[in-house]
């Protein structure tokens, strides 16, 4: 089973956190800059930690170069 969430990424934040907003999208604040995939790598780690799964179970389905991303989480 898998789920897909829409995430708005805010790079260069003071601390890393993942929170769901009222409209059902997620906001991810990551410390890493949006350079050489560093912010995407930190996003994958953050999502995996939040949902209690392995990093390999989290993939960015679309939006890898933008701030709005669709992230797929393989569960179970």
PDB file of N, CA and C in Angstrom:
ATOM      1  N   UNK A   1       0.840  -1.175   0.000  1.00  0.00           N
ATOM      2  CA  UNK A   1       0.000   0.000   0.000  1.00  0.00           C
ATOM      3  C   UNK A   1       0.892   1.248   0.000  1.00  0.00           C
ATOM      4  N   UNK A   2       0.447   2.269  -0.687  1.00  0.00           N
ATOM      5  CA  UNK A   2       1.238   3.501  -0.717  1.00  0.00           C
ATOM      6  C   UNK A   2       0.304   4.698  -0.617  1.00  0.00           C
ATOM      7  N   UNK A   3       0.879   5.801  -0.240  1.00  0.00           N
ATOM      8  CA  UNK A   3       0.123   7.051  -0.193  1.00  0.00           C
ATOM      9  C   UNK A   3       0.975   8.125  -0.835  1.00  0.00           C
ATOM     10  N   UNK A   4       0.317   9.118  -1.413  1.00  0.00           N
ATOM     11  CA  UNK A   4       1.009  10.240  -2.031  1.00  0.00           C
ATOM     12  C   UNK A   4       0.558  11.512  -1.327  1.00  0.00           C
ATOM     13  N   UNK A   5       1.544  12.312  -0.938  1.00  0.00           N
ATOM     14  CA  UNK A   5       1.235  13.583  -0.278  1.00  0.00           C
ATOM     15  C   UNK A   5       1.832  14.730  -1.084  1.00  0.00           C
ATOM     16  N   UNK A   6       1.193  15.880  -0.996  1.00  0.00           N
ATOM     17  CA  UNK A   6       1.711  17.079  -1.653  1.00  0.00           C
ATOM     18  C   UNK A   6       2.468  17.882  -0.605  1.00  0.00           C
ATOM     19  N   UNK A   7       3.715  18.231  -0.935  1.00  0.00           N
ATOM     20  CA  UNK A   7       4.586  18.896   0.028  1.00  0.00           C
ATOM     21  C   UNK A   7       5.114  20.201  -0.556  1.00  0.00           C
ATOM     22  N   UNK A   8       5.037  21.261   0.228  1.00  0.00           N
ATOM     23  CA  UNK A   8       5.674  22.527  -0.141  1.00  0.00           C
ATOM     24  C   UNK A   8       6.953  22.621   0.672  1.00  0.00           C
ATOM     25  N   UNK A   9       8.075  22.735  -0.008  1.00  0.00           N
ATOM     26  CA  UNK A   9       9.376  22.734   0.658  1.00  0.00           C
ATOM     27  C   UNK A   9       9.886  24.156   0.832  1.00  0.00           C
ATOM     28  N   UNK A  10      10.369  24.441   2.024  1.00  0.00           N
ATOM     29  CA  UNK A  10      10.982  25.737   2.324  1.00  0.00           C
ATOM     30  C   UNK A  10      12.427  25.478   2.738  1.00  0.00           C
ATOM     31  N   UNK A  11      13.374  25.616   1.794  1.00  0.00           N
ATOM     32  CA  UNK A  11      14.778  25.357   2.120  1.00  0.00           C
ATOM     33  C   UNK A  11      15.400  26.487   2.933  1.00  0.00           C
ATOM     34  N   UNK A  12      16.610  26.236   3.424  1.00  0.00           N
ATOM     35  CA  UNK A  12      17.386  27.213   4.203  1.00  0.00           C
ATOM     36  C   UNK A  12      16.673  27.668   5.473  1.00  0.00           C
ATOM     37  N   UNK A  13      15.911  26.764   6.103  1.00  0.00           N
ATOM     38  CA  UNK A  13      15.217  27.096   7.350  1.00  0.00           C
ATOM     39  C   UNK A  13      16.159  26.918   8.533  1.00  0.00           C
ATOM     40  N   UNK A  14      15.774  27.478   9.666  1.00  0.00           N
ATOM     41  CA  UNK A  14      16.595  27.357  10.872  1.00  0.00           C
ATOM     42  C   UNK A  14      16.590  25.936  11.421  1.00  0.00           C
ATOM     43  N   UNK A  15      15.449  25.254  11.288  1.00  0.00           N
ATOM     44  CA  UNK A  15      15.360  23.880  11.762  1.00  0.00           C
ATOM     45  C   UNK A  15      14.490  23.075  10.806  1.00  0.00           C
ATOM     46  N   UNK A  16      14.636  21.762  10.855  1.00  0.00           N
ATOM     47  CA  UNK A  16      13.880  20.885   9.971  1.00  0.00           C
ATOM     48  C   UNK A  16      12.596  20.439  10.660  1.00  0.00           C
ATOM     49  N   UNK A  17      11.477  20.517   9.925  1.00  0.00           N
ATOM     50  CA  UNK A  17      10.217  20.027  10.460  1.00  0.00           C
ATOM     51  C   UNK A  17       9.244  19.752   9.328  1.00  0.00           C
ATOM     52  N   UNK A  18       8.302  18.870   9.596  1.00  0.00           N
ATOM     53  CA  UNK A  18       7.264  18.519   8.630  1.00  0.00           C
ATOM     54  C   UNK A  18       5.926  18.666   9.335  1.00  0.00           C
ATOM     55  N   UNK A  19       5.026  19.461   8.768  1.00  0.00           N
ATOM     56  CA  UNK A  19       3.730  19.701   9.402  1.00  0.00           C
ATOM     57  C   UNK A  19       2.636  19.731   8.346  1.00  0.00           C
ATOM     58  N   UNK A  20       1.466  19.223   8.722  1.00  0.00           N
ATOM     59  CA  UNK A  20       0.328  19.225   7.806  1.00  0.00           C
ATOM     60  C   UNK A  20      -0.442  20.524   7.974  1.00  0.00           C
ATOM     61  N   UNK A  21      -0.805  21.145   6.860  1.00  0.00           N
ATOM     62  CA  UNK A  21      -1.574  22.386   6.935  1.00  0.00           C
ATOM     63  C   UNK A  21      -3.068  22.061   6.867  1.00  0.00           C
ATOM     64  N   UNK A  22      -3.903  23.052   7.072  1.00  0.00           N
ATOM     65  CA  UNK A  22      -5.353  22.853   7.153  1.00  0.00           C
ATOM     66  C   UNK A  22      -5.952  22.311   5.857  1.00  0.00           C
ATOM     67  N   UNK A  23      -5.348  22.646   4.716  1.00  0.00           N
ATOM     68  CA  UNK A  23      -5.916  22.196   3.433  1.00  0.00           C
ATOM     69  C   UNK A  23      -5.435  20.804   3.009  1.00  0.00           C
ATOM     70  N   UNK A  24      -4.685  20.117   3.877  1.00  0.00           N
ATOM     71  CA  UNK A  24      -4.261  18.755   3.580  1.00  0.00           C
ATOM     72  C   UNK A  24      -2.885  18.635   2.947  1.00  0.00           C
ATOM     73  N   UNK A  25      -2.307  19.758   2.531  1.00  0.00           N
ATOM     74  CA  UNK A  25      -0.936  19.695   2.019  1.00  0.00           C
ATOM     75  C   UNK A  25       0.022  19.714   3.202  1.00  0.00           C
ATOM     76  N   UNK A  26       1.254  19.374   2.939  1.00  0.00           N
ATOM     77  CA  UNK A  26       2.281  19.343   3.985  1.00  0.00           C
ATOM     78  C   UNK A  26       3.293  20.438   3.730  1.00  0.00           C
ATOM     79  N   UNK A  27       3.850  21.001   4.776  1.00  0.00           N
ATOM     80  CA  UNK A  27       4.905  22.009   4.663  1.00  0.00           C
ATOM     81  C   UNK A  27       6.156  21.432   5.303  1.00  0.00           C
ATOM     82  N   UNK A  28       7.224  21.380   4.518  1.00  0.00           N
ATOM     83  CA  UNK A  28       8.495  20.852   5.011  1.00  0.00           C
ATOM     84  C   UNK A  28       9.510  21.981   5.060  1.00  0.00           C
ATOM     85  N   UNK A  29      10.022  22.221   6.232  1.00  0.00           N
ATOM     86  CA  UNK A  29      11.109  23.184   6.383  1.00  0.00           C
ATOM     87  C   UNK A  29      12.387  22.379   6.522  1.00  0.00           C
ATOM     88  N   UNK A  30      13.346  22.634   5.641  1.00  0.00           N
ATOM     89  CA  UNK A  30      14.609  21.897   5.670  1.00  0.00           C
ATOM     90  C   UNK A  30      15.771  22.873   5.796  1.00  0.00           C
ATOM     91  N   UNK A  31      16.806  22.450   6.503  1.00  0.00           N
ATOM     92  CA  UNK A  31      17.986  23.299   6.697  1.00  0.00           C
ATOM     93  C   UNK A  31      18.817  23.418   5.429  1.00  0.00           C
ATOM     94  N   UNK A  32      18.808  22.374   4.625  1.00  0.00           N
ATOM     95  CA  UNK A  32      19.680  22.310   3.452  1.00  0.00           C
ATOM     96  C   UNK A  32      19.284  23.332   2.383  1.00  0.00           C
ATOM     97  N   UNK A  33      20.270  23.818   1.644  1.00  0.00           N
ATOM     98  CA  UNK A  33      19.986  24.724   0.532  1.00  0.00           C
ATOM     99  C   UNK A  33      19.504  23.916  -0.678  1.00  0.00           C
ATOM    100  N   UNK A  34      18.784  24.556  -1.603  1.00  0.00           N
ATOM    101  CA  UNK A  34      18.291  23.843  -2.792  1.00  0.00           C
ATOM    102  C   UNK A  34      19.386  23.702  -3.863  1.00  0.00           C
ATOM    103  N   UNK A  35      20.490  23.091  -3.492  1.00  0.00           N
ATOM    104  CA  UNK A  35      21.640  22.946  -4.387  1.00  0.00           C
ATOM    105  C   UNK A  35      22.047  21.474  -4.445  1.00  0.00           C
ATOM    106  N   UNK A  36      22.291  20.975  -5.633  1.00  0.00           N
ATOM    107  CA  UNK A  36      22.777  19.604  -5.844  1.00  0.00           C
ATOM    108  C   UNK A  36      21.918  18.543  -5.167  1.00  0.00           C
ATOM    109  N   UNK A  37      20.612  18.771  -5.068  1.00  0.00           N
ATOM    110  CA  UNK A  37      19.714  17.781  -4.491  1.00  0.00           C
ATOM    111  C   UNK A  37      19.780  17.643  -2.984  1.00  0.00           C
ATOM    112  N   UNK A  38      20.476  18.567  -2.315  1.00  0.00           N
ATOM    113  CA  UNK A  38      20.616  18.466  -0.861  1.00  0.00           C
ATOM    114  C   UNK A  38      19.274  18.627  -0.148  1.00  0.00           C
ATOM    115  N   UNK A  39      18.463  19.579  -0.587  1.00  0.00           N
ATOM    116  CA  UNK A  39      17.155  19.790   0.041  1.00  0.00           C
ATOM    117  C   UNK A  39      16.242  18.589  -0.204  1.00  0.00           C
ATOM    118  N   UNK A  40      16.295  18.001  -1.391  1.00  0.00           N
ATOM    119  CA  UNK A  40      15.482  16.819  -1.686  1.00  0.00           C
ATOM    120  C   UNK A  40      15.904  15.643  -0.815  1.00  0.00           C
ATOM    121  N   UNK A  41      17.193  15.452  -0.634  1.00  0.00           N
ATOM    122  CA  UNK A  41      17.684  14.355   0.201  1.00  0.00           C
ATOM    123  C   UNK A  41      17.230  14.538   1.645  1.00  0.00           C
ATOM    124  N   UNK A  42      17.290  15.768   2.140  1.00  0.00           N
ATOM    125  CA  UNK A  42      16.840  16.022   3.509  1.00  0.00           C
ATOM    126  C   UNK A  42      15.325  15.844   3.619  1.00  0.00           C
ATOM    127  N   UNK A  43      14.587  16.216   2.575  1.00  0.00           N
ATOM    128  CA  UNK A  43      13.140  16.022   2.566  1.00  0.00           C
ATOM    129  C   UNK A  43      12.797  14.535   2.680  1.00  0.00           C
ATOM    130  N   UNK A  44      13.493  13.692   1.927  1.00  0.00           N
ATOM    131  CA  UNK A  44      13.250  12.247   1.979  1.00  0.00           C
ATOM    132  C   UNK A  44      13.504  11.720   3.387  1.00  0.00           C
ATOM    133  N   UNK A  45      14.594  12.154   4.015  1.00  0.00           N
ATOM    134  CA  UNK A  45      14.904  11.738   5.387  1.00  0.00           C
ATOM    135  C   UNK A  45      13.819  12.195   6.367  1.00  0.00           C
ATOM    136  N   UNK A  46      13.363  13.424   6.195  1.00  0.00           N
ATOM    137  CA  UNK A  46      12.353  14.007   7.079  1.00  0.00           C
ATOM    138  C   UNK A  46      11.026  13.255   6.966  1.00  0.00           C
ATOM    139  N   UNK A  47      10.601  12.978   5.741  1.00  0.00           N
ATOM    140  CA  UNK A  47       9.342  12.259   5.523  1.00  0.00           C
ATOM    141  C   UNK A  47       9.438  10.837   6.078  1.00  0.00           C
ATOM    142  N   UNK A  48      10.563  10.164   5.827  1.00  0.00           N
ATOM    143  CA  UNK A  48      10.747   8.800   6.327  1.00  0.00           C
ATOM    144  C   UNK A  48      10.697   8.766   7.856  1.00  0.00           C
ATOM    145  N   UNK A  49      11.336   9.720   8.506  1.00  0.00           N
ATOM    146  CA  UNK A  49      11.331   9.772   9.966  1.00  0.00           C
ATOM    147  C   UNK A  49       9.923  10.052  10.495  1.00  0.00           C
ATOM    148  N   UNK A  50       9.204  10.952   9.845  1.00  0.00           N
ATOM    149  CA  UNK A  50       7.864  11.324  10.310  1.00  0.00           C
ATOM    150  C   UNK A  50       6.875  10.165  10.195  1.00  0.00           C
ATOM    151  N   UNK A  51       6.940   9.433   9.080  1.00  0.00           N
ATOM    152  CA  UNK A  51       5.990   8.353   8.846  1.00  0.00           C
ATOM    153  C   UNK A  51       6.512   6.988   9.311  1.00  0.00           C
ATOM    154  N   UNK A  52       7.705   6.952   9.872  1.00  0.00           N
ATOM    155  CA  UNK A  52       8.248   5.725  10.431  1.00  0.00           C
ATOM    156  C   UNK A  52       8.543   4.646   9.404  1.00  0.00           C
ATOM    157  N   UNK A  53       9.139   5.045   8.289  1.00  0.00           N
ATOM    158  CA  UNK A  53       9.492   4.072   7.259  1.00  0.00           C
ATOM    159  C   UNK A  53      10.950   4.291   6.836  1.00  0.00           C
ATOM    160  N   UNK A  54      11.430   3.400   5.977  1.00  0.00           N
ATOM    161  CA  UNK A  54      12.802   3.527   5.483  1.00  0.00           C
ATOM    162  C   UNK A  54      12.886   4.646   4.440  1.00  0.00           C
ATOM    163  N   UNK A  55      14.086   5.218   4.302  1.00  0.00           N
ATOM    164  CA  UNK A  55      14.292   6.260   3.282  1.00  0.00           C
ATOM    165  C   UNK A  55      14.027   5.709   1.884  1.00  0.00           C
ATOM    166  N   UNK A  56      14.329   4.428   1.672  1.00  0.00           N
ATOM    167  CA  UNK A  56      14.130   3.827   0.359  1.00  0.00           C
ATOM    168  C   UNK A  56      12.651   3.683   0.005  1.00  0.00           C
ATOM    169  N   UNK A  57      11.751   3.828   0.996  1.00  0.00           N
ATOM    170  CA  UNK A  57      10.316   3.737   0.751  1.00  0.00           C
ATOM    171  C   UNK A  57       9.713   5.084   0.349  1.00  0.00           C
ATOM    172  N   UNK A  58      10.526   6.129   0.360  1.00  0.00           N
ATOM    173  CA  UNK A  58      10.050   7.478   0.034  1.00  0.00           C
ATOM    174  C   UNK A  58      10.657   7.924  -1.297  1.00  0.00           C
ATOM    175  N   UNK A  59       9.803   8.324  -2.226  1.00  0.00           N
ATOM    176  CA  UNK A  59      10.284   8.817  -3.522  1.00  0.00           C
ATOM    177  C   UNK A  59       9.572  10.112  -3.879  1.00  0.00           C
ATOM    178  N   UNK A  60      10.297  10.984  -4.563  1.00  0.00           N
ATOM    179  CA  UNK A  60       9.713  12.221  -5.062  1.00  0.00           C
ATOM    180  C   UNK A  60       9.173  11.920  -6.453  1.00  0.00           C
ATOM    181  N   UNK A  61       7.844  11.918  -6.588  1.00  0.00           N
ATOM    182  CA  UNK A  61       7.205  11.531  -7.850  1.00  0.00           C
ATOM    183  C   UNK A  61       7.253  12.658  -8.878  1.00  0.00           C
ATOM    184  N   UNK A  62       7.081  13.898  -8.430  1.00  0.00           N
ATOM    185  CA  UNK A  62       7.152  15.028  -9.358  1.00  0.00           C
ATOM    186  C   UNK A  62       7.547  16.276  -8.585  1.00  0.00           C
ATOM    187  N   UNK A  63       8.085  17.249  -9.308  1.00  0.00           N
ATOM    188  CA  UNK A  63       8.468  18.508  -8.696  1.00  0.00           C
ATOM    189  C   UNK A  63       9.844  18.523  -8.073  1.00  0.00           C
ATOM    190  N   UNK A  64      10.734  17.650  -8.532  1.00  0.00           N
ATOM    191  CA  UNK A  64      12.060  17.545  -7.921  1.00  0.00           C
ATOM    192  C   UNK A  64      12.835  18.858  -7.986  1.00  0.00           C
ATOM    193  N   UNK A  65      12.565  19.692  -8.983  1.00  0.00           N
ATOM    194  CA  UNK A  65      13.308  20.955  -9.093  1.00  0.00           C
ATOM    195  C   UNK A  65      12.483  22.165  -8.651  1.00  0.00           C
ATOM    196  N   UNK A  66      11.279  21.943  -8.148  1.00  0.00           N
ATOM    197  CA  UNK A  66      10.441  23.048  -7.694  1.00  0.00           C
ATOM    198  C   UNK A  66      10.169  22.946  -6.203  1.00  0.00           C
ATOM    199  N   UNK A  67       9.382  23.881  -5.689  1.00  0.00           N
ATOM    200  CA  UNK A  67       9.064  23.865  -4.258  1.00  0.00           C
ATOM    201  C   UNK A  67       7.877  22.975  -3.938  1.00  0.00           C
ATOM    202  N   UNK A  68       6.938  22.835  -4.882  1.00  0.00           N
ATOM    203  CA  UNK A  68       5.792  21.946  -4.677  1.00  0.00           C
ATOM    204  C   UNK A  68       6.143  20.570  -5.225  1.00  0.00           C
ATOM    205  N   UNK A  69       6.024  19.555  -4.388  1.00  0.00           N
ATOM    206  CA  UNK A  69       6.421  18.203  -4.776  1.00  0.00           C
ATOM    207  C   UNK A  69       5.318  17.211  -4.440  1.00  0.00           C
ATOM    208  N   UNK A  70       5.234  16.149  -5.217  1.00  0.00           N
ATOM    209  CA  UNK A  70       4.399  15.011  -4.872  1.00  0.00           C
ATOM    210  C   UNK A  70       5.336  13.928  -4.366  1.00  0.00           C
ATOM    211  N   UNK A  71       5.121  13.492  -3.151  1.00  0.00           N
ATOM    212  CA  UNK A  71       5.996  12.511  -2.514  1.00  0.00           C
ATOM    213  C   UNK A  71       5.193  11.236  -2.278  1.00  0.00           C
ATOM    214  N   UNK A  72       5.746  10.114  -2.727  1.00  0.00           N
ATOM    215  CA  UNK A  72       5.085   8.826  -2.545  1.00  0.00           C
ATOM    216  C   UNK A  72       5.762   8.074  -1.400  1.00  0.00           C
ATOM    217  N   UNK A  73       4.912   7.494  -0.533  1.00  0.00           N
ATOM    218  CA  UNK A  73       5.391   6.758   0.630  1.00  0.00           C
ATOM    219  C   UNK A  73       4.858   5.334   0.529  1.00  0.00           C
ATOM    220  N   UNK A  74       5.767   4.366   0.443  1.00  0.00           N
ATOM    221  CA  UNK A  74       5.380   2.949   0.419  1.00  0.00           C
ATOM    222  C   UNK A  74       5.252   2.479   1.866  1.00  0.00           C
ATOM    223  N   UNK A  75       4.079   1.979   2.204  1.00  0.00           N
ATOM    224  CA  UNK A  75       3.845   1.536   3.578  1.00  0.00           C
ATOM    225  C   UNK A  75       3.620   0.027   3.618  1.00  0.00           C
ATOM    226  N   UNK A  76       3.984  -0.553   4.748  1.00  0.00           N
ATOM    227  CA  UNK A  76       3.726  -1.976   4.963  1.00  0.00           C
ATOM    228  C   UNK A  76       4.660  -2.771   4.205  1.00  0.00           C
TER     229      UNK A  76
END
